[in-house]
Amino acid sequence: MELEKKVLSREIQTLLYESGKTLGTAESCTGGRIAEAIISTPGASEYFKGAIVSYTNEVKERLLHVDHQLLEEKTAVCEEVAVAMVKGACETLNVDYAIAATGIAGPGGGTKEIPVGTIWLAYGSKDNVETLMLNEDKGRDLNLSQATFRALQGFLAYINQHLEKPLPIE
């Protein structure tokens, strides 16, 4: 899966570099793995501004402006928090797009309502965010690897759909 992540990172780089758009990440359970995959491609500094690893709710609230009441009512592992993390990262990092991940990678920490392997991914701009929920526990390492891969894959599909393509020169 490492090679696939590099291929996705290269494709993301090409699209963002050519469009002049910027990217950041807001990661909880993935702990910076998405950012690491992005910067594995030389030249990422042209479009990647940075990452916020918000492993605690305190950091989600302070740096990403995730609402305290939302975290209290729904927990950090929900679609709404993932969306708020994207919007907060776009604002805090001053980027056009962001990718976010929040979940329970395991092996512990799960509940009946939110079992281990539940990971919410979100990607987009401050005005348009898409989400994806992963909910299969394959063990911590595979859960994190899969979340990173699916986040890159989802973001690439998102920008392919939403990024304005330059008109061909005739």
N, C-alpha and C. Protein backbone atom coordinates (compact mmCIF):
# COMPACT_ATOMS: atom_id res chain seq x y z
N MET A 1 0.82 -1.20 0.00
CA MET A 1 0.00 0.00 0.00
C MET A 1 0.86 1.26 0.00
N GLU A 2 2.12 1.14 0.39
CA GLU A 2 3.01 2.31 0.40
C GLU A 2 3.19 2.88 -1.00
N LEU A 3 3.37 2.02 -1.98
CA LEU A 3 3.53 2.48 -3.36
C LEU A 3 2.25 3.19 -3.82
N GLU A 4 1.11 2.63 -3.49
CA GLU A 4 -0.16 3.25 -3.88
C GLU A 4 -0.31 4.63 -3.26
N LYS A 5 0.12 4.80 -2.00
CA LYS A 5 0.05 6.11 -1.35
C LYS A 5 0.93 7.12 -2.08
N LYS A 6 2.12 6.68 -2.50
CA LYS A 6 3.02 7.57 -3.24
C LYS A 6 2.42 7.98 -4.58
N VAL A 7 1.77 7.04 -5.25
CA VAL A 7 1.13 7.35 -6.54
C VAL A 7 0.01 8.37 -6.32
N LEU A 8 -0.81 8.16 -5.30
CA LEU A 8 -1.88 9.12 -4.99
C LEU A 8 -1.30 10.49 -4.65
N SER A 9 -0.25 10.51 -3.85
CA SER A 9 0.39 11.77 -3.47
C SER A 9 0.91 12.51 -4.69
N ARG A 10 1.49 11.79 -5.61
CA ARG A 10 2.01 12.41 -6.84
C ARG A 10 0.87 13.00 -7.67
N GLU A 11 -0.24 12.28 -7.76
CA GLU A 11 -1.39 12.79 -8.53
C GLU A 11 -1.98 14.03 -7.86
N ILE A 12 -2.09 14.01 -6.54
CA ILE A 12 -2.57 15.18 -5.80
C ILE A 12 -1.63 16.36 -6.05
N GLN A 13 -0.33 16.10 -5.96
CA GLN A 13 0.66 17.15 -6.17
C GLN A 13 0.50 17.79 -7.54
N THR A 14 0.36 16.99 -8.57
CA THR A 14 0.23 17.52 -9.92
C THR A 14 -0.97 18.44 -10.03
N LEU A 15 -2.12 18.00 -9.53
CA LEU A 15 -3.33 18.82 -9.62
C LEU A 15 -3.24 20.11 -8.82
N LEU A 16 -2.73 20.02 -7.60
CA LEU A 16 -2.66 21.22 -6.77
C LEU A 16 -1.59 22.18 -7.28
N TYR A 17 -0.46 21.67 -7.68
CA TYR A 17 0.62 22.51 -8.18
C TYR A 17 0.16 23.28 -9.42
N GLU A 18 -0.47 22.57 -10.34
CA GLU A 18 -0.92 23.21 -11.59
C GLU A 18 -2.02 24.24 -11.35
N SER A 19 -2.80 24.06 -10.30
CA SER A 19 -3.90 24.99 -10.03
C SER A 19 -3.51 26.11 -9.08
N GLY A 20 -2.35 25.98 -8.43
CA GLY A 20 -1.93 26.99 -7.47
C GLY A 20 -2.69 26.91 -6.15
N LYS A 21 -3.36 25.80 -5.89
CA LYS A 21 -4.13 25.62 -4.66
C LYS A 21 -3.26 25.01 -3.56
N THR A 22 -3.69 25.19 -2.31
CA THR A 22 -2.91 24.71 -1.17
C THR A 22 -3.70 23.70 -0.35
N LEU A 23 -2.96 22.92 0.44
CA LEU A 23 -3.52 21.82 1.22
C LEU A 23 -2.91 21.77 2.61
N GLY A 24 -3.71 21.33 3.57
CA GLY A 24 -3.24 21.06 4.92
C GLY A 24 -3.99 19.85 5.46
N THR A 25 -3.55 19.36 6.60
CA THR A 25 -4.26 18.23 7.21
C THR A 25 -4.57 18.51 8.67
N ALA A 26 -5.64 17.88 9.15
CA ALA A 26 -6.02 17.91 10.56
C ALA A 26 -6.25 16.45 10.94
N GLU A 27 -5.34 15.91 11.73
CA GLU A 27 -5.39 14.48 12.00
C GLU A 27 -5.48 14.19 13.49
N SER A 28 -6.31 13.24 13.83
CA SER A 28 -6.39 12.76 15.19
C SER A 28 -5.81 11.35 15.23
N CYS A 29 -6.61 10.35 14.95
CA CYS A 29 -6.15 8.97 15.09
C CYS A 29 -4.99 8.62 14.15
N THR A 30 -4.89 9.27 13.01
CA THR A 30 -3.81 8.95 12.07
C THR A 30 -2.49 9.61 12.46
N GLY A 31 -2.51 10.52 13.40
CA GLY A 31 -1.30 11.05 14.01
C GLY A 31 -0.27 11.64 13.06
N GLY A 32 -0.66 12.15 11.92
CA GLY A 32 0.28 12.75 10.99
C GLY A 32 0.63 11.86 9.80
N ARG A 33 0.06 10.68 9.74
CA ARG A 33 0.39 9.76 8.64
C ARG A 33 -0.06 10.29 7.27
N ILE A 34 -1.17 11.01 7.24
CA ILE A 34 -1.64 11.56 5.97
C ILE A 34 -0.65 12.63 5.50
N ALA A 35 -0.25 13.50 6.40
CA ALA A 35 0.74 14.53 6.06
C ALA A 35 2.04 13.88 5.62
N GLU A 36 2.46 12.84 6.31
CA GLU A 36 3.70 12.13 5.94
C GLU A 36 3.61 11.57 4.53
N ALA A 37 2.46 11.01 4.17
CA ALA A 37 2.29 10.46 2.82
C ALA A 37 2.35 11.58 1.78
N ILE A 38 1.79 12.72 2.10
CA ILE A 38 1.80 13.85 1.16
C ILE A 38 3.21 14.37 0.95
N ILE A 39 3.96 14.53 2.03
CA ILE A 39 5.30 15.10 1.88
C ILE A 39 6.34 14.08 1.40
N SER A 40 5.94 12.85 1.23
CA SER A 40 6.87 11.85 0.71
C SER A 40 7.21 12.12 -0.76
N THR A 41 6.41 12.96 -1.39
CA THR A 41 6.64 13.32 -2.78
C THR A 41 7.46 14.61 -2.82
N PRO A 42 8.64 14.58 -3.44
CA PRO A 42 9.45 15.80 -3.53
C PRO A 42 8.65 16.94 -4.17
N GLY A 43 8.79 18.13 -3.63
CA GLY A 43 8.09 19.28 -4.16
C GLY A 43 6.79 19.60 -3.45
N ALA A 44 6.47 18.83 -2.41
CA ALA A 44 5.22 19.04 -1.69
C ALA A 44 5.16 20.42 -1.05
N SER A 45 6.30 21.03 -0.78
CA SER A 45 6.30 22.35 -0.15
C SER A 45 5.69 23.41 -1.05
N GLU A 46 5.52 23.11 -2.31
CA GLU A 46 4.89 24.06 -3.23
C GLU A 46 3.39 24.22 -2.96
N TYR A 47 2.76 23.23 -2.34
CA TYR A 47 1.31 23.30 -2.11
C TYR A 47 0.88 22.87 -0.71
N PHE A 48 1.72 22.13 0.01
CA PHE A 48 1.34 21.64 1.33
C PHE A 48 1.87 22.60 2.39
N LYS A 49 0.94 23.21 3.16
CA LYS A 49 1.34 24.22 4.14
C LYS A 49 1.62 23.66 5.53
N GLY A 50 0.96 22.56 5.90
CA GLY A 50 1.21 22.03 7.23
C GLY A 50 0.11 21.12 7.73
N ALA A 51 0.30 20.68 8.97
CA ALA A 51 -0.62 19.72 9.58
C ALA A 51 -0.83 20.07 11.05
N ILE A 52 -2.01 19.75 11.52
CA ILE A 52 -2.32 19.85 12.94
C ILE A 52 -2.69 18.45 13.40
N VAL A 53 -1.89 17.92 14.31
CA VAL A 53 -2.21 16.62 14.91
C VAL A 53 -2.99 16.93 16.18
N SER A 54 -4.28 16.73 16.10
CA SER A 54 -5.19 17.10 17.20
C SER A 54 -5.66 15.83 17.91
N TYR A 55 -4.74 15.24 18.63
CA TYR A 55 -5.02 13.96 19.27
C TYR A 55 -6.00 14.10 20.43
N THR A 56 -6.09 15.30 21.00
CA THR A 56 -7.02 15.52 22.12
C THR A 56 -8.13 16.48 21.71
N ASN A 57 -9.22 16.42 22.46
CA ASN A 57 -10.32 17.34 22.21
C ASN A 57 -9.89 18.78 22.44
N GLU A 58 -9.02 19.00 23.40
CA GLU A 58 -8.54 20.36 23.69
C GLU A 58 -7.91 20.99 22.44
N VAL A 59 -7.09 20.24 21.74
CA VAL A 59 -6.45 20.76 20.53
C VAL A 59 -7.47 20.94 19.42
N LYS A 60 -8.42 20.01 19.32
CA LYS A 60 -9.48 20.18 18.32
C LYS A 60 -10.23 21.49 18.56
N GLU A 61 -10.52 21.78 19.81
CA GLU A 61 -11.24 23.01 20.14
C GLU A 61 -10.39 24.25 19.91
N ARG A 62 -9.17 24.26 20.44
CA ARG A 62 -8.34 25.47 20.40
C ARG A 62 -7.79 25.80 19.01
N LEU A 63 -7.30 24.81 18.31
CA LEU A 63 -6.65 25.08 17.03
C LEU A 63 -7.57 24.90 15.83
N LEU A 64 -8.53 23.99 15.94
CA LEU A 64 -9.40 23.71 14.80
C LEU A 64 -10.81 24.28 14.99
N HIS A 65 -11.07 24.89 16.14
CA HIS A 65 -12.34 25.55 16.43
C HIS A 65 -13.54 24.59 16.39
N VAL A 66 -13.29 23.33 16.76
CA VAL A 66 -14.39 22.37 16.86
C VAL A 66 -15.19 22.74 18.12
N ASP A 67 -16.48 22.81 17.98
CA ASP A 67 -17.35 23.23 19.07
C ASP A 67 -17.30 22.25 20.24
N HIS A 68 -17.10 22.78 21.44
CA HIS A 68 -17.02 21.97 22.66
C HIS A 68 -18.30 21.14 22.85
N GLN A 69 -19.43 21.77 22.64
CA GLN A 69 -20.71 21.07 22.84
C GLN A 69 -20.86 19.90 21.87
N LEU A 70 -20.40 20.09 20.64
CA LEU A 70 -20.44 19.00 19.66
C LEU A 70 -19.61 17.81 20.14
N LEU A 71 -18.42 18.10 20.64
CA LEU A 71 -17.56 17.03 21.16
C LEU A 71 -18.20 16.34 22.37
N GLU A 72 -18.85 17.10 23.22
CA GLU A 72 -19.51 16.53 24.40
C GLU A 72 -20.70 15.66 23.99
N GLU A 73 -21.49 16.14 23.06
CA GLU A 73 -22.73 15.43 22.69
C GLU A 73 -22.48 14.23 21.77
N LYS A 74 -21.57 14.37 20.82
CA LYS A 74 -21.39 13.34 19.79
C LYS A 74 -20.08 12.58 19.91
N THR A 75 -19.16 13.01 20.72
CA THR A 75 -17.78 12.52 20.85
C THR A 75 -16.95 13.01 19.66
N ALA A 76 -15.67 12.79 19.72
CA ALA A 76 -14.77 13.22 18.65
C ALA A 76 -14.88 12.33 17.42
N VAL A 77 -15.49 11.16 17.58
CA VAL A 77 -15.57 10.21 16.47
C VAL A 77 -16.95 10.27 15.83
N CYS A 78 -17.12 11.29 15.00
CA CYS A 78 -18.39 11.45 14.28
C CYS A 78 -18.15 12.29 13.03
N GLU A 79 -19.09 12.21 12.15
CA GLU A 79 -18.99 12.92 10.88
C GLU A 79 -18.88 14.43 11.08
N GLU A 80 -19.67 14.97 11.99
CA GLU A 80 -19.69 16.42 12.21
C GLU A 80 -18.34 16.94 12.68
N VAL A 81 -17.66 16.19 13.52
CA VAL A 81 -16.34 16.63 13.99
C VAL A 81 -15.33 16.57 12.84
N ALA A 82 -15.39 15.53 12.02
CA ALA A 82 -14.49 15.44 10.87
C ALA A 82 -14.68 16.63 9.95
N VAL A 83 -15.92 17.01 9.70
CA VAL A 83 -16.21 18.17 8.85
C VAL A 83 -15.67 19.44 9.50
N ALA A 84 -15.90 19.61 10.80
CA ALA A 84 -15.41 20.79 11.51
C ALA A 84 -13.88 20.85 11.48
N MET A 85 -13.22 19.70 11.52
CA MET A 85 -11.76 19.67 11.46
C MET A 85 -11.25 20.17 10.11
N VAL A 86 -11.93 19.80 9.03
CA VAL A 86 -11.54 20.29 7.70
C VAL A 86 -11.68 21.81 7.66
N LYS A 87 -12.84 22.30 8.09
CA LYS A 87 -13.09 23.74 8.05
C LYS A 87 -12.10 24.49 8.94
N GLY A 88 -11.84 23.94 10.12
CA GLY A 88 -10.89 24.58 11.03
C GLY A 88 -9.48 24.59 10.48
N ALA A 89 -9.08 23.50 9.83
CA ALA A 89 -7.74 23.45 9.23
C ALA A 89 -7.61 24.44 8.09
N CYS A 90 -8.65 24.56 7.27
CA CYS A 90 -8.62 25.54 6.18
C CYS A 90 -8.41 26.94 6.73
N GLU A 91 -9.09 27.24 7.83
CA GLU A 91 -8.97 28.56 8.44
C GLU A 91 -7.62 28.75 9.13
N THR A 92 -7.27 27.85 10.02
CA THR A 92 -6.04 28.00 10.81
C THR A 92 -4.79 27.95 9.95
N LEU A 93 -4.74 27.05 8.99
CA LEU A 93 -3.56 26.90 8.15
C LEU A 93 -3.60 27.80 6.90
N ASN A 94 -4.73 28.48 6.70
CA ASN A 94 -4.92 29.35 5.54
C ASN A 94 -4.66 28.60 4.24
N VAL A 95 -5.41 27.51 4.07
CA VAL A 95 -5.27 26.67 2.87
C VAL A 95 -6.60 26.59 2.14
N ASP A 96 -6.53 26.22 0.87
CA ASP A 96 -7.73 26.05 0.06
C ASP A 96 -8.47 24.77 0.42
N TYR A 97 -7.70 23.71 0.71
CA TYR A 97 -8.28 22.39 0.99
C TYR A 97 -7.62 21.78 2.21
N ALA A 98 -8.37 20.88 2.86
CA ALA A 98 -7.82 20.13 3.98
C ALA A 98 -8.37 18.71 3.97
N ILE A 99 -7.60 17.83 4.60
CA ILE A 99 -7.99 16.44 4.80
C ILE A 99 -7.98 16.21 6.31
N ALA A 100 -9.01 15.54 6.83
CA ALA A 100 -9.09 15.29 8.27
C ALA A 100 -9.42 13.82 8.54
N ALA A 101 -8.97 13.36 9.71
CA ALA A 101 -9.26 12.00 10.16
C ALA A 101 -9.47 12.01 11.66
N THR A 102 -10.52 11.34 12.11
CA THR A 102 -10.80 11.19 13.53
C THR A 102 -11.44 9.83 13.75
N GLY A 103 -10.96 9.09 14.73
CA GLY A 103 -11.52 7.76 14.94
C GLY A 103 -10.84 6.99 16.05
N ILE A 104 -11.14 5.71 16.06
CA ILE A 104 -10.58 4.80 17.07
C ILE A 104 -9.82 3.71 16.33
N ALA A 105 -8.50 3.82 16.35
CA ALA A 105 -7.66 2.87 15.61
C ALA A 105 -7.47 1.56 16.35
N GLY A 106 -7.59 1.59 17.66
CA GLY A 106 -7.44 0.38 18.44
C GLY A 106 -6.06 0.23 19.04
N PRO A 107 -5.80 -0.84 19.74
CA PRO A 107 -6.70 -1.97 19.90
C PRO A 107 -7.83 -1.71 20.90
N GLY A 108 -7.65 -0.74 21.80
CA GLY A 108 -8.70 -0.44 22.77
C GLY A 108 -9.39 0.86 22.43
N GLY A 109 -10.27 1.28 23.34
CA GLY A 109 -10.93 2.57 23.20
C GLY A 109 -12.30 2.52 22.57
N GLY A 110 -12.66 1.41 21.98
CA GLY A 110 -13.96 1.31 21.34
C GLY A 110 -15.08 1.09 22.34
N THR A 111 -16.29 1.36 21.89
CA THR A 111 -17.49 1.11 22.69
C THR A 111 -18.48 0.36 21.80
N LYS A 112 -19.60 -0.03 22.38
CA LYS A 112 -20.63 -0.70 21.60
C LYS A 112 -21.14 0.24 20.50
N GLU A 113 -21.28 1.52 20.85
CA GLU A 113 -21.79 2.51 19.91
C GLU A 113 -20.74 2.89 18.86
N ILE A 114 -19.48 2.98 19.28
CA ILE A 114 -18.40 3.36 18.37
C ILE A 114 -17.27 2.34 18.53
N PRO A 115 -17.34 1.25 17.77
CA PRO A 115 -16.34 0.19 17.93
C PRO A 115 -14.98 0.56 17.35
N VAL A 116 -13.97 -0.15 17.79
CA VAL A 116 -12.62 0.00 17.24
C VAL A 116 -12.70 -0.20 15.73
N GLY A 117 -11.97 0.64 15.01
CA GLY A 117 -11.98 0.58 13.56
C GLY A 117 -12.90 1.63 12.93
N THR A 118 -13.68 2.31 13.78
CA THR A 118 -14.52 3.40 13.27
C THR A 118 -13.66 4.63 13.07
N ILE A 119 -13.53 5.06 11.84
CA ILE A 119 -12.72 6.23 11.51
C ILE A 119 -13.49 7.08 10.51
N TRP A 120 -13.66 8.34 10.84
CA TRP A 120 -14.31 9.29 9.94
C TRP A 120 -13.23 10.08 9.21
N LEU A 121 -13.32 10.11 7.90
CA LEU A 121 -12.43 10.89 7.05
C LEU A 121 -13.25 12.02 6.44
N ALA A 122 -12.63 13.17 6.27
CA ALA A 122 -13.28 14.29 5.61
C ALA A 122 -12.25 15.01 4.78
N TYR A 123 -12.69 15.61 3.69
CA TYR A 123 -11.79 16.34 2.81
C TYR A 123 -12.61 17.36 2.04
N GLY A 124 -11.95 18.47 1.74
CA GLY A 124 -12.63 19.49 0.97
C GLY A 124 -12.15 20.87 1.33
N SER A 125 -13.02 21.84 1.05
CA SER A 125 -12.74 23.24 1.32
C SER A 125 -13.63 23.70 2.48
N LYS A 126 -13.43 24.92 2.92
CA LYS A 126 -14.26 25.39 4.04
C LYS A 126 -15.73 25.49 3.67
N ASP A 127 -16.04 25.53 2.37
CA ASP A 127 -17.42 25.64 1.92
C ASP A 127 -18.02 24.35 1.38
N ASN A 128 -17.20 23.31 1.22
CA ASN A 128 -17.68 22.08 0.60
C ASN A 128 -16.84 20.90 1.09
N VAL A 129 -17.40 20.13 1.99
CA VAL A 129 -16.68 19.01 2.61
C VAL A 129 -17.42 17.71 2.32
N GLU A 130 -16.66 16.69 1.96
CA GLU A 130 -17.21 15.34 1.79
C GLU A 130 -16.62 14.43 2.86
N THR A 131 -17.36 13.39 3.20
CA THR A 131 -16.93 12.49 4.28
C THR A 131 -17.01 11.03 3.85
N LEU A 132 -16.30 10.23 4.61
CA LEU A 132 -16.31 8.78 4.42
C LEU A 132 -16.08 8.13 5.77
N MET A 133 -16.87 7.13 6.09
CA MET A 133 -16.68 6.41 7.35
C MET A 133 -16.10 5.03 7.06
N LEU A 134 -15.03 4.70 7.76
CA LEU A 134 -14.47 3.35 7.74
C LEU A 134 -14.95 2.68 9.03
N ASN A 135 -15.31 1.42 8.97
CA ASN A 135 -15.82 0.77 10.19
C ASN A 135 -15.45 -0.70 10.27
N GLU A 136 -14.27 -1.02 9.78
CA GLU A 136 -13.82 -2.40 9.87
C GLU A 136 -12.51 -2.44 10.64
N ASP A 137 -12.48 -3.23 11.69
CA ASP A 137 -11.27 -3.35 12.51
C ASP A 137 -10.36 -4.44 11.94
N LYS A 138 -9.22 -4.02 11.43
CA LYS A 138 -8.23 -4.95 10.89
C LYS A 138 -6.96 -4.95 11.74
N GLY A 139 -7.06 -4.37 12.94
CA GLY A 139 -5.89 -4.20 13.79
C GLY A 139 -5.34 -2.79 13.60
N ARG A 140 -4.73 -2.26 14.64
CA ARG A 140 -4.30 -0.86 14.65
C ARG A 140 -3.49 -0.46 13.41
N ASP A 141 -2.44 -1.19 13.10
CA ASP A 141 -1.58 -0.80 11.98
C ASP A 141 -2.33 -0.76 10.66
N LEU A 142 -3.11 -1.78 10.39
CA LEU A 142 -3.87 -1.80 9.14
C LEU A 142 -4.99 -0.76 9.15
N ASN A 143 -5.61 -0.52 10.30
CA ASN A 143 -6.64 0.51 10.38
C ASN A 143 -6.06 1.87 10.00
N LEU A 144 -4.88 2.18 10.52
CA LEU A 144 -4.24 3.47 10.24
C LEU A 144 -3.75 3.56 8.80
N SER A 145 -3.20 2.49 8.30
CA SER A 145 -2.73 2.47 6.92
C SER A 145 -3.90 2.62 5.95
N GLN A 146 -4.97 1.90 6.23
CA GLN A 146 -6.17 1.98 5.38
C GLN A 146 -6.78 3.38 5.43
N ALA A 147 -6.84 3.97 6.62
CA ALA A 147 -7.41 5.32 6.75
C ALA A 147 -6.58 6.33 5.96
N THR A 148 -5.27 6.21 6.02
CA THR A 148 -4.40 7.12 5.27
C THR A 148 -4.62 6.96 3.78
N PHE A 149 -4.62 5.72 3.31
CA PHE A 149 -4.83 5.45 1.89
C PHE A 149 -6.19 5.97 1.42
N ARG A 150 -7.24 5.66 2.17
CA ARG A 150 -8.60 6.06 1.76
C ARG A 150 -8.77 7.58 1.82
N ALA A 151 -8.09 8.24 2.75
CA ALA A 151 -8.15 9.71 2.82
C ALA A 151 -7.52 10.33 1.57
N LEU A 152 -6.37 9.83 1.17
CA LEU A 152 -5.71 10.33 -0.04
C LEU A 152 -6.56 10.03 -1.28
N GLN A 153 -7.07 8.82 -1.34
CA GLN A 153 -7.90 8.40 -2.47
C GLN A 153 -9.16 9.26 -2.56
N GLY A 154 -9.80 9.48 -1.43
CA GLY A 154 -11.02 10.30 -1.41
C GLY A 154 -10.75 11.74 -1.78
N PHE A 155 -9.64 12.29 -1.26
CA PHE A 155 -9.31 13.67 -1.59
C PHE A 155 -8.99 13.82 -3.07
N LEU A 156 -8.27 12.86 -3.63
CA LEU A 156 -7.96 12.92 -5.06
C LEU A 156 -9.25 12.91 -5.89
N ALA A 157 -10.18 12.06 -5.55
CA ALA A 157 -11.46 12.03 -6.26
C ALA A 157 -12.19 13.36 -6.09
N TYR A 158 -12.13 13.91 -4.88
CA TYR A 158 -12.78 15.20 -4.60
C TYR A 158 -12.21 16.31 -5.49
N ILE A 159 -10.88 16.44 -5.52
CA ILE A 159 -10.32 17.55 -6.31
C ILE A 159 -10.48 17.30 -7.80
N ASN A 160 -10.48 16.06 -8.23
CA ASN A 160 -10.75 15.78 -9.64
C ASN A 160 -12.15 16.25 -10.03
N GLN A 161 -13.08 16.16 -9.10
CA GLN A 161 -14.45 16.56 -9.36
C GLN A 161 -14.66 18.07 -9.19
N HIS A 162 -13.98 18.69 -8.22
CA HIS A 162 -14.28 20.07 -7.86
C HIS A 162 -13.27 21.11 -8.35
N LEU A 163 -12.10 20.69 -8.68
CA LEU A 163 -11.08 21.65 -9.09
C LEU A 163 -11.34 22.11 -10.51
N GLU A 164 -11.31 23.41 -10.70
CA GLU A 164 -11.50 23.95 -12.04
C GLU A 164 -10.26 23.61 -12.87
N LYS A 165 -10.51 22.95 -13.96
CA LYS A 165 -9.41 22.57 -14.85
C LYS A 165 -9.14 23.72 -15.82
N PRO A 166 -7.87 24.00 -16.08
CA PRO A 166 -7.58 25.06 -17.05
C PRO A 166 -8.03 24.61 -18.45
N LEU A 167 -8.48 25.55 -19.22
CA LEU A 167 -8.91 25.24 -20.58
C LEU A 167 -7.70 24.94 -21.45
N PRO A 168 -7.82 23.97 -22.34
CA PRO A 168 -6.68 23.65 -23.21
C PRO A 168 -6.39 24.81 -24.17
N ILE A 169 -5.11 25.01 -24.44
CA ILE A 169 -4.70 26.05 -25.36
C ILE A 169 -4.83 25.50 -26.77
N GLU A 170 -5.51 26.25 -27.63
CA GLU A 170 -5.69 25.78 -29.01
C GLU A 170 -4.83 26.56 -29.97
